[in-house]
Amino acid sequence: MPYSQPFLSTKTLDLNTIHRVVGGTSQTTCSLNDTDINARSGPVNGTTAKSFRHLQSGGVHSYIITPGGSTSSSYGFNSGDDGNSAFGSVYQNLTNINNIYSSWEVIQALWFGGMSPPQFYFRLSKYNIGDTASNSGWEQISLGTTSLFRQDANYSVTNLDMVWVWNNVSSNPFNTSGTTTLFIR
């Protein structure tokens, strides 16, 4: 996957994060010589030597969300396309999401604190019927200090939507006033 912008520009790049980005399991034993880590890096100076530079630069897509709803139950952005009340708003440049999924738009980025366990939903909807997409093209969603890895989500597809759900997101990742920037990397 080509990377073009800072991946973890404000965070420390540790071995566990590298391992998670390349598809490994968090908090398991790993080293820089692991096959999965080495397989994700490209050649250096025309050789087969490996580099981790790509992990510091990521295809970053950002959305500015003005959250709404109840900070204790459901909070964030909901377009109302799911049949529930609409609240919050999102500024999305459709070019951003089209770089990952052509003809899809963000219709839900929502924290459900009132659920047991608390969950975070990320939902995309087709605006051109017949378009297809797969569960790939990005590694994580970040909001403030919360990072959610795609591989840890429960993923489902309906006729019109792709949905990722993360369980046990115990604290609200959105700012309770102003805006929150959601990054897809």
N, C-alpha and C. Protein backbone atom coordinates (compact mmCIF):
# COMPACT_ATOMS: atom_id res chain seq x y z
N MET A 1 0.85 -1.18 0.00
CA MET A 1 0.00 0.00 0.00
C MET A 1 0.89 1.23 0.00
N PRO A 2 0.74 2.14 -0.93
CA PRO A 2 1.58 3.33 -0.95
C PRO A 2 1.16 4.31 0.14
N TYR A 3 2.13 4.93 0.76
CA TYR A 3 1.86 5.91 1.80
C TYR A 3 2.41 7.25 1.36
N SER A 4 1.68 8.34 1.68
CA SER A 4 2.13 9.63 1.18
C SER A 4 2.13 10.75 2.20
N GLN A 5 1.54 10.56 3.37
CA GLN A 5 1.49 11.60 4.39
C GLN A 5 1.84 11.00 5.73
N PRO A 6 2.14 11.82 6.76
CA PRO A 6 2.56 11.28 8.05
C PRO A 6 1.57 10.27 8.61
N PHE A 7 2.09 9.12 9.02
CA PHE A 7 1.25 8.07 9.57
C PHE A 7 1.03 8.26 11.07
N LEU A 8 2.09 8.43 11.80
CA LEU A 8 1.99 8.62 13.23
C LEU A 8 2.76 9.87 13.62
N SER A 9 2.44 10.97 13.01
CA SER A 9 3.25 12.18 13.16
C SER A 9 3.30 12.70 14.59
N THR A 10 2.30 12.41 15.41
CA THR A 10 2.30 12.94 16.77
C THR A 10 2.45 11.85 17.81
N LYS A 11 2.74 10.63 17.38
CA LYS A 11 2.85 9.52 18.32
C LYS A 11 4.19 8.84 18.18
N THR A 12 4.60 8.16 19.22
CA THR A 12 5.82 7.39 19.20
C THR A 12 5.59 6.13 18.38
N LEU A 13 6.51 5.82 17.51
CA LEU A 13 6.42 4.62 16.70
C LEU A 13 7.14 3.51 17.45
N ASP A 14 6.36 2.61 18.08
CA ASP A 14 6.96 1.52 18.83
C ASP A 14 6.77 0.21 18.07
N LEU A 15 7.45 -0.83 18.51
CA LEU A 15 7.41 -2.11 17.82
C LEU A 15 6.01 -2.71 17.80
N ASN A 16 5.24 -2.55 18.88
CA ASN A 16 3.88 -3.05 18.92
C ASN A 16 3.03 -2.38 17.84
N THR A 17 3.17 -1.06 17.67
CA THR A 17 2.41 -0.34 16.64
C THR A 17 2.80 -0.81 15.25
N ILE A 18 4.09 -0.96 15.00
CA ILE A 18 4.54 -1.47 13.70
C ILE A 18 3.91 -2.84 13.45
N HIS A 19 3.95 -3.71 14.46
CA HIS A 19 3.40 -5.05 14.31
C HIS A 19 1.90 -5.01 14.01
N ARG A 20 1.16 -4.12 14.67
CA ARG A 20 -0.29 -3.99 14.42
C ARG A 20 -0.56 -3.48 13.01
N VAL A 21 0.22 -2.51 12.55
CA VAL A 21 0.01 -1.92 11.23
C VAL A 21 0.20 -2.96 10.12
N VAL A 22 1.13 -3.88 10.30
CA VAL A 22 1.38 -4.88 9.28
C VAL A 22 0.47 -6.10 9.42
N GLY A 23 -0.47 -6.04 10.37
CA GLY A 23 -1.45 -7.11 10.49
C GLY A 23 -1.20 -8.10 11.61
N GLY A 24 -0.18 -7.83 12.45
CA GLY A 24 0.08 -8.71 13.58
C GLY A 24 -0.86 -8.45 14.73
N THR A 25 -0.81 -9.31 15.72
CA THR A 25 -1.67 -9.19 16.89
C THR A 25 -0.98 -8.32 17.94
N SER A 26 -1.75 -7.44 18.55
CA SER A 26 -1.22 -6.52 19.55
C SER A 26 -0.68 -7.27 20.77
N GLN A 27 0.39 -6.73 21.33
CA GLN A 27 0.97 -7.22 22.57
C GLN A 27 1.44 -8.67 22.49
N THR A 28 1.87 -9.12 21.30
CA THR A 28 2.48 -10.43 21.16
C THR A 28 3.95 -10.24 20.86
N THR A 29 4.72 -11.26 21.10
CA THR A 29 6.15 -11.18 20.87
C THR A 29 6.43 -10.99 19.38
N CYS A 30 7.28 -10.01 19.08
CA CYS A 30 7.65 -9.76 17.69
C CYS A 30 9.02 -9.10 17.66
N SER A 31 9.62 -9.10 16.48
CA SER A 31 10.91 -8.44 16.31
C SER A 31 10.95 -7.82 14.92
N LEU A 32 11.96 -6.99 14.68
CA LEU A 32 12.11 -6.36 13.37
C LEU A 32 12.39 -7.40 12.28
N ASN A 33 12.81 -8.60 12.68
CA ASN A 33 13.09 -9.64 11.71
C ASN A 33 11.88 -10.51 11.38
N ASP A 34 10.73 -10.26 12.01
CA ASP A 34 9.53 -11.05 11.72
C ASP A 34 9.15 -10.91 10.25
N THR A 35 8.68 -12.00 9.68
CA THR A 35 8.30 -12.02 8.26
C THR A 35 7.24 -10.98 7.94
N ASP A 36 6.21 -10.86 8.80
CA ASP A 36 5.13 -9.92 8.49
C ASP A 36 5.61 -8.48 8.49
N ILE A 37 6.54 -8.15 9.38
CA ILE A 37 7.07 -6.78 9.44
C ILE A 37 7.95 -6.51 8.22
N ASN A 38 8.85 -7.42 7.92
CA ASN A 38 9.75 -7.23 6.78
C ASN A 38 9.03 -7.26 5.45
N ALA A 39 7.95 -8.01 5.35
CA ALA A 39 7.23 -8.13 4.08
C ALA A 39 6.56 -6.83 3.66
N ARG A 40 6.31 -5.91 4.58
CA ARG A 40 5.60 -4.68 4.27
C ARG A 40 6.51 -3.54 3.86
N SER A 41 7.80 -3.73 3.88
CA SER A 41 8.67 -2.62 3.53
C SER A 41 9.28 -2.85 2.16
N GLY A 42 9.73 -1.78 1.56
CA GLY A 42 10.22 -1.84 0.20
C GLY A 42 11.74 -1.83 0.13
N PRO A 43 12.26 -1.97 -1.06
CA PRO A 43 13.71 -2.00 -1.24
C PRO A 43 14.35 -0.64 -0.95
N VAL A 44 15.56 -0.68 -0.49
CA VAL A 44 16.33 0.53 -0.20
C VAL A 44 17.53 0.57 -1.14
N ASN A 45 17.74 1.70 -1.78
CA ASN A 45 18.89 1.89 -2.68
C ASN A 45 19.02 0.79 -3.73
N GLY A 46 17.90 0.36 -4.29
CA GLY A 46 17.93 -0.63 -5.36
C GLY A 46 18.25 -2.04 -4.90
N THR A 47 18.29 -2.30 -3.60
CA THR A 47 18.59 -3.64 -3.09
C THR A 47 17.30 -4.26 -2.56
N THR A 48 17.42 -5.41 -1.94
CA THR A 48 16.27 -6.03 -1.30
C THR A 48 16.23 -5.72 0.19
N ALA A 49 17.11 -4.84 0.66
CA ALA A 49 17.10 -4.44 2.07
C ALA A 49 15.76 -3.80 2.41
N LYS A 50 15.37 -3.84 3.66
CA LYS A 50 14.05 -3.37 4.08
C LYS A 50 14.12 -2.03 4.80
N SER A 51 13.01 -1.26 4.71
CA SER A 51 12.91 0.05 5.34
C SER A 51 11.57 0.19 6.03
N PHE A 52 11.52 0.92 7.14
CA PHE A 52 10.27 1.17 7.85
C PHE A 52 9.76 2.58 7.60
N ARG A 53 10.35 3.28 6.66
CA ARG A 53 9.95 4.65 6.36
C ARG A 53 8.47 4.75 6.01
N HIS A 54 7.95 3.74 5.30
CA HIS A 54 6.55 3.78 4.89
C HIS A 54 5.60 3.78 6.09
N LEU A 55 6.05 3.26 7.22
CA LEU A 55 5.19 3.26 8.41
C LEU A 55 5.06 4.65 9.01
N GLN A 56 5.96 5.55 8.67
CA GLN A 56 5.89 6.91 9.17
C GLN A 56 5.17 7.83 8.20
N SER A 57 4.76 7.29 7.08
CA SER A 57 3.99 8.08 6.13
C SER A 57 2.81 7.25 5.70
N GLY A 58 1.62 7.77 5.85
CA GLY A 58 0.44 6.98 5.55
C GLY A 58 -0.54 7.73 4.69
N GLY A 59 -1.32 6.99 3.92
CA GLY A 59 -2.39 7.59 3.15
C GLY A 59 -3.44 8.11 4.10
N VAL A 60 -3.34 9.34 4.51
CA VAL A 60 -4.21 9.89 5.55
C VAL A 60 -5.38 10.62 4.90
N HIS A 61 -6.57 10.27 5.33
CA HIS A 61 -7.79 10.93 4.90
C HIS A 61 -8.45 11.46 6.15
N SER A 62 -8.84 12.72 6.16
CA SER A 62 -9.40 13.29 7.38
C SER A 62 -10.80 13.84 7.16
N TYR A 63 -11.59 13.79 8.20
CA TYR A 63 -12.96 14.28 8.21
C TYR A 63 -13.16 15.09 9.47
N ILE A 64 -13.72 16.27 9.34
CA ILE A 64 -13.97 17.11 10.50
C ILE A 64 -15.40 16.88 10.93
N ILE A 65 -15.56 16.38 12.16
CA ILE A 65 -16.88 16.03 12.67
C ILE A 65 -17.25 16.99 13.79
N THR A 66 -18.43 17.57 13.69
CA THR A 66 -19.03 18.31 14.80
C THR A 66 -20.01 17.34 15.43
N PRO A 67 -19.62 16.75 16.56
CA PRO A 67 -20.46 15.68 17.12
C PRO A 67 -21.74 16.21 17.73
N GLY A 68 -22.71 15.33 17.81
CA GLY A 68 -23.98 15.61 18.45
C GLY A 68 -24.48 14.37 19.13
N GLY A 69 -25.65 14.46 19.74
CA GLY A 69 -26.23 13.32 20.44
C GLY A 69 -26.02 13.43 21.93
N SER A 70 -26.10 12.32 22.61
CA SER A 70 -25.92 12.27 24.06
C SER A 70 -24.53 11.75 24.39
N THR A 71 -23.77 12.50 25.19
CA THR A 71 -22.41 12.09 25.52
C THR A 71 -22.37 10.81 26.36
N SER A 72 -23.51 10.39 26.93
CA SER A 72 -23.50 9.17 27.74
C SER A 72 -24.08 7.96 27.00
N SER A 73 -24.75 8.18 25.85
CA SER A 73 -25.33 7.02 25.16
C SER A 73 -24.83 6.91 23.73
N SER A 74 -25.27 7.76 22.80
CA SER A 74 -24.77 7.71 21.43
C SER A 74 -24.33 9.11 21.04
N TYR A 75 -23.08 9.22 20.58
CA TYR A 75 -22.49 10.53 20.35
C TYR A 75 -21.58 10.46 19.13
N GLY A 76 -21.63 11.49 18.30
CA GLY A 76 -20.78 11.57 17.13
C GLY A 76 -21.56 12.10 15.95
N PHE A 77 -21.50 11.38 14.83
CA PHE A 77 -22.20 11.79 13.61
C PHE A 77 -23.07 10.65 13.13
N ASN A 78 -24.34 10.95 12.88
CA ASN A 78 -25.27 10.00 12.29
C ASN A 78 -26.10 10.75 11.25
N SER A 79 -26.00 10.33 10.00
CA SER A 79 -26.70 11.03 8.92
C SER A 79 -28.21 10.83 8.97
N GLY A 80 -28.66 9.80 9.67
CA GLY A 80 -30.08 9.46 9.71
C GLY A 80 -30.45 8.47 8.63
N ASP A 81 -29.50 8.12 7.75
CA ASP A 81 -29.77 7.16 6.68
C ASP A 81 -30.08 5.76 7.21
N ASP A 82 -29.76 5.50 8.47
CA ASP A 82 -30.02 4.19 9.06
C ASP A 82 -31.42 4.09 9.67
N GLY A 83 -32.22 5.12 9.51
CA GLY A 83 -33.58 5.12 10.05
C GLY A 83 -33.68 5.73 11.43
N ASN A 84 -32.56 6.04 12.05
CA ASN A 84 -32.55 6.68 13.36
C ASN A 84 -32.39 8.18 13.20
N SER A 85 -32.50 8.91 14.29
CA SER A 85 -32.40 10.37 14.25
C SER A 85 -31.02 10.81 13.76
N ALA A 86 -31.02 11.86 12.97
CA ALA A 86 -29.77 12.44 12.49
C ALA A 86 -29.25 13.41 13.55
N PHE A 87 -27.94 13.42 13.76
CA PHE A 87 -27.32 14.40 14.64
C PHE A 87 -25.85 14.53 14.30
N GLY A 88 -25.28 15.64 14.70
CA GLY A 88 -23.90 15.94 14.37
C GLY A 88 -23.77 16.26 12.90
N SER A 89 -22.58 16.60 12.49
CA SER A 89 -22.32 16.87 11.08
C SER A 89 -20.89 16.46 10.76
N VAL A 90 -20.64 16.23 9.50
CA VAL A 90 -19.29 15.87 9.07
C VAL A 90 -18.97 16.66 7.81
N TYR A 91 -17.77 17.22 7.79
CA TYR A 91 -17.27 17.81 6.55
C TYR A 91 -16.42 16.73 5.91
N GLN A 92 -16.85 16.25 4.77
CA GLN A 92 -16.07 15.24 4.08
C GLN A 92 -15.86 15.66 2.64
N ASN A 93 -14.63 15.67 2.27
CA ASN A 93 -14.28 15.87 0.87
C ASN A 93 -14.37 14.48 0.25
N LEU A 94 -15.35 14.25 -0.61
CA LEU A 94 -15.57 12.91 -1.14
C LEU A 94 -14.36 12.38 -1.89
N THR A 95 -13.47 13.25 -2.31
CA THR A 95 -12.24 12.79 -2.94
C THR A 95 -11.46 11.93 -1.96
N ASN A 96 -11.49 12.29 -0.68
CA ASN A 96 -10.75 11.52 0.32
C ASN A 96 -11.21 10.07 0.37
N ILE A 97 -12.50 9.84 0.55
CA ILE A 97 -12.99 8.47 0.67
C ILE A 97 -12.93 7.77 -0.67
N ASN A 98 -13.07 8.52 -1.78
CA ASN A 98 -12.99 7.90 -3.09
C ASN A 98 -11.60 7.36 -3.38
N ASN A 99 -10.59 7.88 -2.68
CA ASN A 99 -9.25 7.32 -2.83
C ASN A 99 -9.18 5.91 -2.27
N ILE A 100 -10.07 5.58 -1.34
CA ILE A 100 -10.11 4.24 -0.77
C ILE A 100 -11.24 3.44 -1.41
N TYR A 101 -12.44 4.02 -1.37
CA TYR A 101 -13.63 3.36 -1.90
C TYR A 101 -14.35 4.32 -2.83
N SER A 102 -14.33 4.03 -4.11
CA SER A 102 -14.99 4.90 -5.08
C SER A 102 -16.50 4.85 -4.86
N SER A 103 -17.14 6.01 -4.89
CA SER A 103 -18.60 6.15 -4.82
C SER A 103 -19.20 5.77 -3.48
N TRP A 104 -18.48 5.95 -2.40
CA TRP A 104 -18.99 5.70 -1.06
C TRP A 104 -18.86 6.97 -0.25
N GLU A 105 -19.74 7.15 0.76
CA GLU A 105 -19.62 8.31 1.64
C GLU A 105 -19.81 7.89 3.09
N VAL A 106 -19.21 8.65 4.00
CA VAL A 106 -19.33 8.38 5.43
C VAL A 106 -20.73 8.81 5.87
N ILE A 107 -21.49 7.88 6.44
CA ILE A 107 -22.82 8.23 6.95
C ILE A 107 -22.93 8.04 8.47
N GLN A 108 -21.90 7.43 9.06
CA GLN A 108 -21.96 7.24 10.51
C GLN A 108 -20.55 7.06 11.07
N ALA A 109 -20.25 7.84 12.06
CA ALA A 109 -19.05 7.69 12.88
C ALA A 109 -19.58 7.95 14.28
N LEU A 110 -19.82 6.90 15.03
CA LEU A 110 -20.67 7.01 16.21
C LEU A 110 -20.17 6.16 17.35
N TRP A 111 -20.12 6.76 18.53
CA TRP A 111 -19.77 6.03 19.75
C TRP A 111 -21.05 5.74 20.52
N PHE A 112 -21.26 4.46 20.83
CA PHE A 112 -22.43 4.03 21.61
C PHE A 112 -21.97 3.69 23.02
N GLY A 113 -21.94 4.69 23.90
CA GLY A 113 -21.52 4.48 25.28
C GLY A 113 -22.56 3.78 26.12
N GLY A 114 -23.83 3.83 25.68
CA GLY A 114 -24.91 3.20 26.43
C GLY A 114 -25.05 1.72 26.14
N MET A 115 -24.27 1.18 25.20
CA MET A 115 -24.32 -0.25 24.86
C MET A 115 -23.44 -1.02 25.83
N SER A 116 -23.67 -2.29 25.93
CA SER A 116 -22.83 -3.15 26.74
C SER A 116 -22.31 -4.28 25.86
N PRO A 117 -21.05 -4.28 25.46
CA PRO A 117 -20.02 -3.29 25.80
C PRO A 117 -20.16 -2.03 24.93
N PRO A 118 -19.55 -0.92 25.36
CA PRO A 118 -19.58 0.30 24.55
C PRO A 118 -18.94 0.03 23.18
N GLN A 119 -19.52 0.60 22.12
CA GLN A 119 -19.07 0.31 20.77
C GLN A 119 -18.84 1.59 19.97
N PHE A 120 -18.01 1.46 18.94
CA PHE A 120 -17.82 2.53 17.97
C PHE A 120 -18.21 1.98 16.61
N TYR A 121 -19.06 2.72 15.89
CA TYR A 121 -19.51 2.34 14.55
C TYR A 121 -18.92 3.28 13.52
N PHE A 122 -18.47 2.70 12.42
CA PHE A 122 -18.05 3.48 11.25
C PHE A 122 -18.77 2.87 10.06
N ARG A 123 -19.60 3.68 9.38
CA ARG A 123 -20.45 3.16 8.30
C ARG A 123 -20.27 4.01 7.05
N LEU A 124 -20.09 3.32 5.93
CA LEU A 124 -20.04 3.95 4.62
C LEU A 124 -21.25 3.50 3.82
N SER A 125 -21.76 4.38 2.97
CA SER A 125 -22.91 4.05 2.14
C SER A 125 -22.60 4.33 0.68
N LYS A 126 -23.14 3.49 -0.20
CA LYS A 126 -22.97 3.67 -1.64
C LYS A 126 -23.82 4.84 -2.10
N TYR A 127 -23.32 5.63 -3.00
CA TYR A 127 -24.20 6.57 -3.66
C TYR A 127 -24.33 6.23 -5.14
N ASN A 128 -23.69 5.16 -5.58
CA ASN A 128 -23.91 4.59 -6.91
C ASN A 128 -24.21 3.11 -6.72
N ILE A 129 -25.46 2.71 -6.89
CA ILE A 129 -25.85 1.33 -6.71
C ILE A 129 -25.04 0.46 -7.67
N GLY A 130 -24.60 -0.67 -7.18
CA GLY A 130 -23.82 -1.59 -8.00
C GLY A 130 -22.34 -1.53 -7.74
N ASP A 131 -21.85 -0.45 -7.10
CA ASP A 131 -20.44 -0.38 -6.75
C ASP A 131 -20.14 -1.40 -5.66
N THR A 132 -18.98 -1.98 -5.72
CA THR A 132 -18.58 -2.93 -4.69
C THR A 132 -17.27 -2.47 -4.08
N ALA A 133 -17.01 -2.95 -2.89
CA ALA A 133 -15.76 -2.63 -2.20
C ALA A 133 -15.44 -3.78 -1.27
N SER A 134 -14.22 -3.83 -0.80
CA SER A 134 -13.81 -4.89 0.11
C SER A 134 -13.28 -4.28 1.39
N ASN A 135 -13.11 -5.12 2.37
CA ASN A 135 -12.60 -4.71 3.68
C ASN A 135 -11.08 -4.57 3.60
N SER A 136 -10.62 -3.52 2.91
CA SER A 136 -9.18 -3.30 2.73
C SER A 136 -8.95 -1.84 2.37
N GLY A 137 -7.70 -1.46 2.18
CA GLY A 137 -7.37 -0.12 1.72
C GLY A 137 -7.00 0.85 2.81
N TRP A 138 -7.17 0.48 4.07
CA TRP A 138 -6.80 1.33 5.19
C TRP A 138 -6.50 0.44 6.39
N GLU A 139 -5.79 1.01 7.36
CA GLU A 139 -5.36 0.23 8.53
C GLU A 139 -6.05 0.62 9.82
N GLN A 140 -6.30 1.93 10.02
CA GLN A 140 -6.85 2.37 11.29
C GLN A 140 -7.62 3.66 11.16
N ILE A 141 -8.48 3.89 12.15
CA ILE A 141 -9.18 5.15 12.34
C ILE A 141 -8.64 5.75 13.62
N SER A 142 -8.36 7.04 13.60
CA SER A 142 -7.90 7.74 14.81
C SER A 142 -8.78 8.94 15.07
N LEU A 143 -9.16 9.10 16.33
CA LEU A 143 -9.90 10.28 16.81
C LEU A 143 -9.24 10.69 18.11
N GLY A 144 -8.60 11.83 18.14
CA GLY A 144 -7.91 12.26 19.36
C GLY A 144 -6.89 11.22 19.76
N THR A 145 -7.00 10.68 20.97
CA THR A 145 -6.05 9.69 21.46
C THR A 145 -6.53 8.26 21.23
N THR A 146 -7.67 8.08 20.57
CA THR A 146 -8.22 6.75 20.31
C THR A 146 -7.83 6.28 18.92
N SER A 147 -7.25 5.09 18.84
CA SER A 147 -6.93 4.46 17.56
C SER A 147 -7.68 3.14 17.48
N LEU A 148 -8.37 2.93 16.38
CA LEU A 148 -9.13 1.71 16.16
C LEU A 148 -8.61 1.04 14.90
N PHE A 149 -8.11 -0.19 15.04
CA PHE A 149 -7.53 -0.89 13.91
C PHE A 149 -8.61 -1.67 13.16
N ARG A 150 -8.60 -1.56 11.82
CA ARG A 150 -9.59 -2.21 10.98
C ARG A 150 -9.68 -3.70 11.27
N GLN A 151 -8.54 -4.36 11.45
CA GLN A 151 -8.54 -5.80 11.68
C GLN A 151 -9.21 -6.21 12.98
N ASP A 152 -9.40 -5.27 13.90
CA ASP A 152 -10.04 -5.58 15.19
C ASP A 152 -11.55 -5.39 15.15
N ALA A 153 -12.07 -4.86 14.05
CA ALA A 153 -13.49 -4.56 13.96
C ALA A 153 -14.28 -5.77 13.47
N ASN A 154 -15.57 -5.79 13.84
CA ASN A 154 -16.51 -6.71 13.23
C ASN A 154 -16.99 -6.01 11.97
N TYR A 155 -16.83 -6.66 10.83
CA TYR A 155 -17.12 -6.06 9.53
C TYR A 155 -18.33 -6.73 8.91
N SER A 156 -19.23 -5.93 8.34
CA SER A 156 -20.39 -6.49 7.64
C SER A 156 -20.74 -5.62 6.45
N VAL A 157 -21.43 -6.22 5.49
CA VAL A 157 -21.85 -5.53 4.28
C VAL A 157 -23.34 -5.81 4.07
N THR A 158 -24.09 -4.77 3.75
CA THR A 158 -25.49 -4.94 3.35
C THR A 158 -25.59 -4.49 1.90
N ASN A 159 -26.79 -4.40 1.36
CA ASN A 159 -26.96 -3.95 -0.01
C ASN A 159 -26.38 -2.57 -0.24
N LEU A 160 -26.47 -1.70 0.76
CA LEU A 160 -26.05 -0.31 0.57
C LEU A 160 -24.90 0.14 1.45
N ASP A 161 -24.57 -0.60 2.50
CA ASP A 161 -23.61 -0.12 3.49
C ASP A 161 -22.48 -1.11 3.76
N MET A 162 -21.33 -0.54 4.13
CA MET A 162 -20.24 -1.29 4.75
C MET A 162 -20.15 -0.76 6.17
N VAL A 163 -20.05 -1.68 7.15
CA VAL A 163 -20.06 -1.27 8.55
C VAL A 163 -18.91 -1.96 9.29
N TRP A 164 -18.18 -1.16 10.07
CA TRP A 164 -17.16 -1.67 10.97
C TRP A 164 -17.60 -1.33 12.38
N VAL A 165 -17.56 -2.31 13.29
CA VAL A 165 -17.96 -2.10 14.68
C VAL A 165 -16.84 -2.59 15.58
N TRP A 166 -16.41 -1.71 16.49
CA TRP A 166 -15.41 -2.07 17.49
C TRP A 166 -16.10 -2.16 18.84
N ASN A 167 -15.87 -3.25 19.56
CA ASN A 167 -16.42 -3.43 20.90
C ASN A 167 -15.45 -2.91 21.95
N ASN A 168 -15.98 -2.64 23.12
CA ASN A 168 -15.19 -2.22 24.28
C ASN A 168 -14.44 -0.91 24.08
N VAL A 169 -15.06 0.04 23.38
CA VAL A 169 -14.52 1.39 23.27
C VAL A 169 -15.13 2.15 24.43
N SER A 170 -14.49 2.07 25.58
CA SER A 170 -15.10 2.49 26.85
C SER A 170 -15.25 3.99 27.02
N SER A 171 -14.41 4.78 26.38
CA SER A 171 -14.55 6.23 26.56
C SER A 171 -14.88 6.91 25.24
N ASN A 172 -15.62 7.99 25.34
CA ASN A 172 -16.06 8.77 24.18
C ASN A 172 -14.83 9.35 23.46
N PRO A 173 -14.58 8.98 22.19
CA PRO A 173 -13.40 9.49 21.49
C PRO A 173 -13.59 10.89 20.90
N PHE A 174 -14.83 11.42 20.94
CA PHE A 174 -15.11 12.73 20.38
C PHE A 174 -14.92 13.83 21.42
N ASN A 175 -14.51 15.00 20.96
CA ASN A 175 -14.49 16.17 21.84
C ASN A 175 -15.94 16.50 22.19
N THR A 176 -16.20 16.91 23.41
CA THR A 176 -17.57 17.22 23.80
C THR A 176 -17.97 18.64 23.44
N SER A 177 -17.05 19.43 22.94
CA SER A 177 -17.39 20.74 22.39
C SER A 177 -16.48 20.98 21.19
N GLY A 178 -16.97 21.74 20.24
CA GLY A 178 -16.18 22.00 19.04
C GLY A 178 -16.19 20.81 18.10
N THR A 179 -15.09 20.61 17.40
CA THR A 179 -15.01 19.55 16.40
C THR A 179 -13.98 18.50 16.80
N THR A 180 -14.08 17.36 16.15
CA THR A 180 -13.10 16.28 16.28
C THR A 180 -12.70 15.88 14.87
N THR A 181 -11.43 15.71 14.64
CA THR A 181 -10.98 15.26 13.34
C THR A 181 -10.80 13.74 13.38
N LEU A 182 -11.44 13.07 12.44
CA LEU A 182 -11.32 11.62 12.30
C LEU A 182 -10.35 11.37 11.15
N PHE A 183 -9.34 10.57 11.42
CA PHE A 183 -8.34 10.23 10.40
C PHE A 183 -8.50 8.77 10.01
N ILE A 184 -8.45 8.49 8.72
CA ILE A 184 -8.40 7.13 8.21
C ILE A 184 -7.02 6.97 7.61
N ARG A 185 -6.31 5.97 8.09
CA ARG A 185 -4.93 5.75 7.64
C ARG A 185 -4.79 4.37 7.04
